[in-house]
Amino acid sequence: MHYQGTVYRPPSEANSILLQVTTGCSHNKCTFCGMYKGQRFSITPDEIVYADIDYAARHFPHARRLFLCDGDALILPQNRLRTILVRIREKLPHLDRVGIYANCKSLKAKTIEELEELRRLGLKIAYMGLESGDDHTLTAINKGATAADMIAMAGKAKAAGIKLSVTVLLGIAGPDRSPVHAEETGRVLSAIDPEYVGALSLMIEPQTKLHADVLAGDFVVPGPLAILGELRAMIAATNLSNGLFHANHASNYLPVRAKLPEEKAATLDLIDQALVGNLSLRPEFLRAL
């Protein structure tokens, strides 16, 4: 199959067919993100996409999942996405779902009816980077959307029947604003009520604006216990009707997987045990993005 540049996908799509229908990210301005740097956003030509679907059908005919890469595939015009999904359904009939990255810009460009059509054609899950529910932090990291925007656009996806996996970033507000970041992120997660939440811990990537801020002394990365305390406060402020809160990514100091609301109290107790030193944290050299 054809791939251009570095291909990124969510951890939960590790065993999925990766079909690159766009290259890069149309926003590509977040201060913390090192993905797609030096890479212009572009749309993969139809003939390449169709050839890759045919290749996947020959080599992975019984695959259950497929992920549409890159970081902004939902921004494709509706007609183009429709045609791609129809061809995927015809060639790979055993798929249970197709996944995609989504952001406020791409969701705003689609009506609920268009999103419903995509869901009927197999698009079952969208991965959305919230990062923070704190507007001050969202502005600082140049996310390009407010917390209210995030809630509204996530609501469109849910109204269309598309499951949501929302990513948040521990430590991104710095030490001083950490309590507000945790509380507001919990509030926004509760308002969105996604099926899945994935919490990652901040790791500074070279060649990013945030890296330059750290070197200049304009941003301080919170330490492990501060990050853990932030995670505790965020989970305490998050009320999901029936969701999974994951903080078991390789960047995190303490693996956490909690079904909310049932396991909320037990998860807070687990974090408390780590905060007082009764549980070992992942050492720095084992952390990774």
Protein backbone atom coordinates (compact mmCIF):
# COMPACT_ATOMS: atom_id res chain seq x y z
CA MET A 1 0.00 0.00 0.00
CA HIS A 2 1.06 3.58 -0.62
CA TYR A 3 2.14 5.79 2.28
CA GLN A 4 3.59 9.27 2.19
CA GLY A 5 5.44 10.70 5.18
CA THR A 6 5.02 9.31 8.69
CA VAL A 7 1.65 7.65 9.20
CA TYR A 8 0.01 8.13 12.61
CA ARG A 9 -2.93 6.20 14.03
CA PRO A 10 -4.58 5.82 17.46
CA PRO A 11 -3.23 3.02 19.70
CA SER A 12 -6.56 1.19 19.46
CA GLU A 13 -6.14 0.96 15.66
CA ALA A 14 -2.89 -1.02 15.94
CA ASN A 15 -4.35 -4.01 14.08
CA SER A 16 -6.38 -2.03 11.57
CA ILE A 17 -5.81 -1.59 7.86
CA LEU A 18 -4.33 1.89 7.47
CA LEU A 19 -5.68 3.63 4.37
CA GLN A 20 -4.09 7.00 3.69
CA VAL A 21 -6.67 9.25 2.04
CA THR A 22 -5.05 12.54 3.07
CA THR A 23 -1.52 13.53 4.01
CA GLY A 24 -0.79 15.72 7.02
CA CYS A 25 -3.18 17.98 8.94
CA SER A 26 -4.99 21.02 7.59
CA HIS A 27 -4.57 22.85 10.94
CA ASN A 28 -1.04 21.77 11.92
CA LYS A 29 -0.54 24.71 14.31
CA CYS A 30 -0.80 23.14 17.78
CA THR A 31 2.23 24.20 19.83
CA PHE A 32 2.82 20.77 21.39
CA CYS A 33 2.43 18.59 18.30
CA GLY A 34 5.40 17.32 16.32
CA MET A 35 3.32 15.34 13.85
CA TYR A 36 3.32 16.35 10.18
CA LYS A 37 5.93 19.09 10.65
CA GLY A 38 7.32 20.18 7.30
CA GLN A 39 4.53 18.27 5.56
CA ARG A 40 1.90 20.09 3.55
CA PHE A 41 -1.69 18.93 3.81
CA SER A 42 -2.83 17.17 0.65
CA ILE A 43 -5.52 14.81 -0.58
CA THR A 44 -4.46 11.43 -1.90
CA PRO A 45 -5.44 10.93 -5.55
CA ASP A 46 -8.43 8.64 -6.07
CA GLU A 47 -6.50 6.13 -8.18
CA ILE A 48 -4.02 5.55 -5.35
CA VAL A 49 -6.78 5.20 -2.74
CA TYR A 50 -8.69 2.71 -4.90
CA ALA A 51 -5.54 0.72 -5.65
CA ASP A 52 -4.82 0.49 -1.93
CA ILE A 53 -8.36 -0.69 -1.19
CA ASP A 54 -7.93 -3.39 -3.83
CA TYR A 55 -4.58 -4.37 -2.30
CA ALA A 56 -6.16 -4.60 1.16
CA ALA A 57 -8.98 -6.73 -0.23
CA ARG A 58 -6.47 -9.18 -1.70
CA HIS A 59 -4.14 -9.40 1.29
CA PHE A 60 -6.44 -8.74 4.29
CA PRO A 61 -9.87 -9.95 3.11
CA HIS A 62 -11.09 -10.83 6.60
CA ALA A 63 -9.87 -7.70 8.41
CA ARG A 64 -12.33 -6.33 10.94
CA ARG A 65 -11.16 -2.71 11.17
CA LEU A 66 -9.85 0.01 8.89
CA PHE A 67 -8.56 3.46 9.77
CA LEU A 68 -8.58 6.42 7.38
CA CYS A 69 -5.31 8.35 7.68
CA ASP A 70 -3.96 11.05 8.11
CA GLY A 71 -4.76 13.60 10.76
CA ASP A 72 -7.62 15.31 8.98
CA ALA A 73 -9.35 12.78 6.73
CA LEU A 74 -12.87 13.90 7.73
CA ILE A 75 -12.19 17.22 5.99
CA LEU A 76 -12.62 15.44 2.64
CA PRO A 77 -15.69 16.56 0.67
CA GLN A 78 -18.75 14.44 1.34
CA ASN A 79 -18.94 13.02 -2.18
CA ARG A 80 -15.36 11.86 -2.01
CA LEU A 81 -15.72 10.27 1.42
CA ARG A 82 -18.96 8.61 0.35
CA THR A 83 -17.32 7.06 -2.70
CA ILE A 84 -14.35 5.81 -0.66
CA LEU A 85 -16.57 4.25 2.00
CA VAL A 86 -18.81 2.59 -0.60
CA ARG A 87 -15.76 1.07 -2.27
CA ILE A 88 -14.40 -0.10 1.10
CA ARG A 89 -17.73 -1.77 1.88
CA GLU A 90 -17.81 -3.52 -1.50
CA LYS A 91 -14.22 -4.77 -1.35
CA LEU A 92 -13.95 -5.49 2.41
CA PRO A 93 -17.39 -6.75 3.48
CA HIS A 94 -16.13 -8.28 6.74
CA LEU A 95 -15.17 -4.95 8.31
CA ASP A 96 -16.90 -4.14 11.60
CA ARG A 97 -15.98 -0.49 11.50
CA VAL A 98 -14.03 2.31 9.87
CA GLY A 99 -12.33 4.90 12.09
CA ILE A 100 -11.13 8.44 11.45
CA TYR A 101 -9.57 11.47 13.16
CA ALA A 102 -11.97 14.38 13.61
CA ASN A 103 -11.58 17.98 14.75
CA CYS A 104 -13.89 20.95 15.11
CA LYS A 105 -13.09 22.26 11.64
CA SER A 106 -13.94 19.02 9.87
CA LEU A 107 -17.05 18.33 11.96
CA LYS A 108 -18.31 21.86 11.40
CA ALA A 109 -18.05 21.30 7.64
CA LYS A 110 -20.44 18.33 7.83
CA THR A 111 -24.16 18.38 8.57
CA ILE A 112 -25.63 15.85 10.96
CA GLU A 113 -27.33 14.23 7.97
CA GLU A 114 -23.99 13.89 6.18
CA LEU A 115 -22.39 12.38 9.27
CA GLU A 116 -25.32 9.95 9.54
CA GLU A 117 -24.72 8.92 5.94
CA LEU A 118 -21.05 8.26 6.68
CA ARG A 119 -22.02 6.21 9.71
CA ARG A 120 -24.42 4.09 7.65
CA LEU A 121 -21.57 3.46 5.22
CA GLY A 122 -19.36 2.10 8.00
CA LEU A 123 -17.72 5.10 9.71
CA LYS A 124 -18.39 4.02 13.29
CA ILE A 125 -15.79 5.86 15.42
CA ALA A 126 -14.08 9.26 15.38
CA TYR A 127 -11.01 10.21 17.41
CA MET A 128 -11.12 13.82 18.61
CA GLY A 129 -8.28 15.72 20.28
CA LEU A 130 -9.78 17.87 23.02
CA GLU A 131 -6.47 18.26 24.91
CA SER A 132 -8.05 20.62 27.47
CA GLY A 133 -11.44 21.97 28.46
CA ASP A 134 -9.85 25.23 29.62
CA ASP A 135 -10.19 28.02 27.05
CA HIS A 136 -7.07 29.78 28.30
CA THR A 137 -5.04 26.62 27.70
CA LEU A 138 -6.67 25.97 24.32
CA THR A 139 -5.67 29.45 23.20
CA ALA A 140 -2.13 29.02 24.54
CA ILE A 141 -1.61 25.79 22.59
CA ASN A 142 -3.21 27.25 19.44
CA LYS A 143 -5.81 24.53 19.22
CA GLY A 144 -8.06 26.64 17.00
CA ALA A 145 -11.26 25.94 18.93
CA THR A 146 -12.94 26.78 22.22
CA ALA A 147 -14.36 24.37 24.78
CA ALA A 148 -17.86 25.33 23.61
CA ASP A 149 -16.85 24.51 20.03
CA MET A 150 -15.60 21.11 21.16
CA ILE A 151 -18.83 20.31 22.97
CA ALA A 152 -21.00 21.41 20.04
CA MET A 153 -19.04 19.57 17.34
CA ALA A 154 -18.73 16.41 19.42
CA GLY A 155 -22.49 16.61 19.88
CA LYS A 156 -22.96 16.51 16.12
CA ALA A 157 -20.97 13.30 15.84
CA LYS A 158 -22.89 11.68 18.69
CA ALA A 159 -26.22 12.80 17.24
CA ALA A 160 -25.22 11.02 14.02
CA GLY A 161 -24.52 7.81 15.94
CA ILE A 162 -20.74 7.94 15.58
CA LYS A 163 -18.85 6.81 18.66
CA LEU A 164 -16.27 9.22 20.06
CA SER A 165 -12.82 8.63 21.50
CA VAL A 166 -11.64 11.92 23.02
CA THR A 167 -7.98 12.59 23.82
CA VAL A 168 -6.86 14.85 26.67
CA LEU A 169 -3.32 15.92 27.53
CA LEU A 170 -2.06 15.89 31.10
CA GLY A 171 0.45 18.61 31.92
CA ILE A 172 -0.32 20.81 28.92
CA ALA A 173 -1.46 23.75 31.09
CA GLY A 174 1.75 23.84 33.14
CA PRO A 175 1.94 23.66 36.95
CA ASP A 176 0.15 26.90 37.82
CA ARG A 177 -2.96 26.31 35.73
CA SER A 178 -3.13 22.58 36.35
CA PRO A 179 -6.14 22.68 38.75
CA VAL A 180 -8.23 24.74 36.31
CA HIS A 181 -7.19 22.56 33.38
CA ALA A 182 -8.17 19.39 35.26
CA GLU A 183 -11.51 20.73 36.46
CA GLU A 184 -12.53 22.28 33.15
CA THR A 185 -11.45 19.24 31.16
CA GLY A 186 -13.58 17.06 33.41
CA ARG A 187 -16.50 19.44 32.87
CA VAL A 188 -16.17 19.33 29.08
CA LEU A 189 -15.74 15.56 29.02
CA SER A 190 -18.89 15.25 31.09
CA ALA A 191 -20.76 17.49 28.63
CA ILE A 192 -19.54 15.50 25.61
CA ASP A 193 -20.06 12.12 27.35
CA PRO A 194 -17.90 10.13 24.91
CA GLU A 195 -17.67 6.37 24.80
CA TYR A 196 -13.91 6.55 25.30
CA VAL A 197 -11.44 8.99 26.85
CA GLY A 198 -7.70 8.65 26.32
CA ALA A 199 -5.39 10.63 28.60
CA LEU A 200 -1.79 11.10 27.52
CA SER A 201 0.95 12.77 29.57
CA LEU A 202 2.85 15.64 28.00
CA MET A 203 6.18 14.83 26.40
CA ILE A 204 8.07 17.68 24.77
CA GLU A 205 8.87 17.02 21.13
CA PRO A 206 11.81 18.72 19.42
CA GLN A 207 11.11 21.35 16.77
CA THR A 208 7.78 22.34 18.29
CA LYS A 209 6.77 25.76 19.60
CA LEU A 210 6.36 24.28 23.06
CA HIS A 211 9.91 22.93 22.95
CA ALA A 212 11.16 26.43 22.23
CA ASP A 213 9.08 27.77 25.13
CA VAL A 214 10.64 25.22 27.49
CA LEU A 215 14.14 26.15 26.37
CA ALA A 216 13.33 29.84 26.85
CA GLY A 217 11.98 29.21 30.33
CA ASP A 218 8.46 30.27 29.32
CA PHE A 219 6.89 26.87 30.05
CA VAL A 220 7.57 24.41 32.85
CA VAL A 221 6.70 20.74 32.44
CA PRO A 222 4.95 19.42 35.58
CA GLY A 223 6.69 16.55 37.38
CA PRO A 224 5.35 12.99 37.67
CA LEU A 225 3.44 13.49 40.93
CA ALA A 226 1.93 16.74 39.64
CA ILE A 227 0.80 14.95 36.48
CA LEU A 228 -0.68 12.17 38.59
CA GLY A 229 -2.49 14.66 40.81
CA GLU A 230 -3.88 16.31 37.70
CA LEU A 231 -5.14 12.96 36.43
CA ARG A 232 -6.86 12.36 39.77
CA ALA A 233 -8.56 15.77 39.72
CA MET A 234 -9.63 15.27 36.10
CA ILE A 235 -11.20 11.87 36.75
CA ALA A 236 -12.90 13.22 39.87
CA ALA A 237 -14.47 15.99 37.75
CA THR A 238 -15.49 13.65 34.91
CA ASN A 239 -18.96 12.12 34.90
CA LEU A 240 -19.64 9.73 32.05
CA SER A 241 -22.89 7.83 31.62
CA ASN A 242 -21.14 4.72 30.31
CA GLY A 243 -17.58 5.26 29.16
CA LEU A 244 -14.02 4.01 29.44
CA PHE A 245 -11.36 6.39 30.75
CA HIS A 246 -7.95 5.19 29.59
CA ALA A 247 -4.66 6.54 30.88
CA ASN A 248 -2.62 3.49 29.94
CA HIS A 249 -0.71 5.07 27.06
CA ALA A 250 3.07 4.63 27.13
CA SER A 251 3.49 8.32 28.01
CA ASN A 252 1.68 7.91 31.32
CA TYR A 253 3.36 7.32 34.68
CA LEU A 254 0.59 5.08 36.05
CA PRO A 255 -1.49 2.82 33.79
CA VAL A 256 -5.19 3.43 34.45
CA ARG A 257 -8.22 1.90 32.77
CA ALA A 258 -11.53 2.74 34.39
CA LYS A 259 -15.13 2.13 33.43
CA LEU A 260 -17.12 5.17 34.50
CA PRO A 261 -19.08 5.64 36.61
CA GLU A 262 -18.76 2.15 38.18
CA GLU A 263 -15.00 2.16 38.77
CA LYS A 264 -14.49 5.83 39.54
CA ALA A 265 -14.03 5.51 43.30
CA ALA A 266 -11.68 2.54 42.98
CA THR A 267 -9.61 4.38 40.36
CA LEU A 268 -9.26 7.45 42.57
CA ASP A 269 -8.12 5.18 45.40
CA LEU A 270 -5.55 3.58 43.08
CA ILE A 271 -4.13 6.99 42.15
CA ASP A 272 -4.04 7.97 45.83
CA GLN A 273 -1.94 4.91 46.55
CA ALA A 274 0.52 5.96 43.85
CA LEU A 275 0.63 9.53 45.15
CA VAL A 276 1.75 8.37 48.60
CA GLY A 277 4.38 6.06 47.16
CA ASN A 278 2.69 2.69 47.55
CA LEU A 279 2.74 2.01 43.81
CA SER A 280 5.66 2.31 41.42
CA LEU A 281 5.46 4.79 38.55
CA ARG A 282 6.73 4.15 35.05
CA PRO A 283 10.34 5.38 34.87
CA GLU A 284 11.12 8.24 32.54
CA PHE A 285 13.22 6.12 30.18
CA LEU A 286 10.27 3.83 29.50
CA ARG A 287 7.87 6.62 28.57
CA ALA A 288 7.15 7.13 24.88
CA LEU A 289 4.71 8.65 22.45
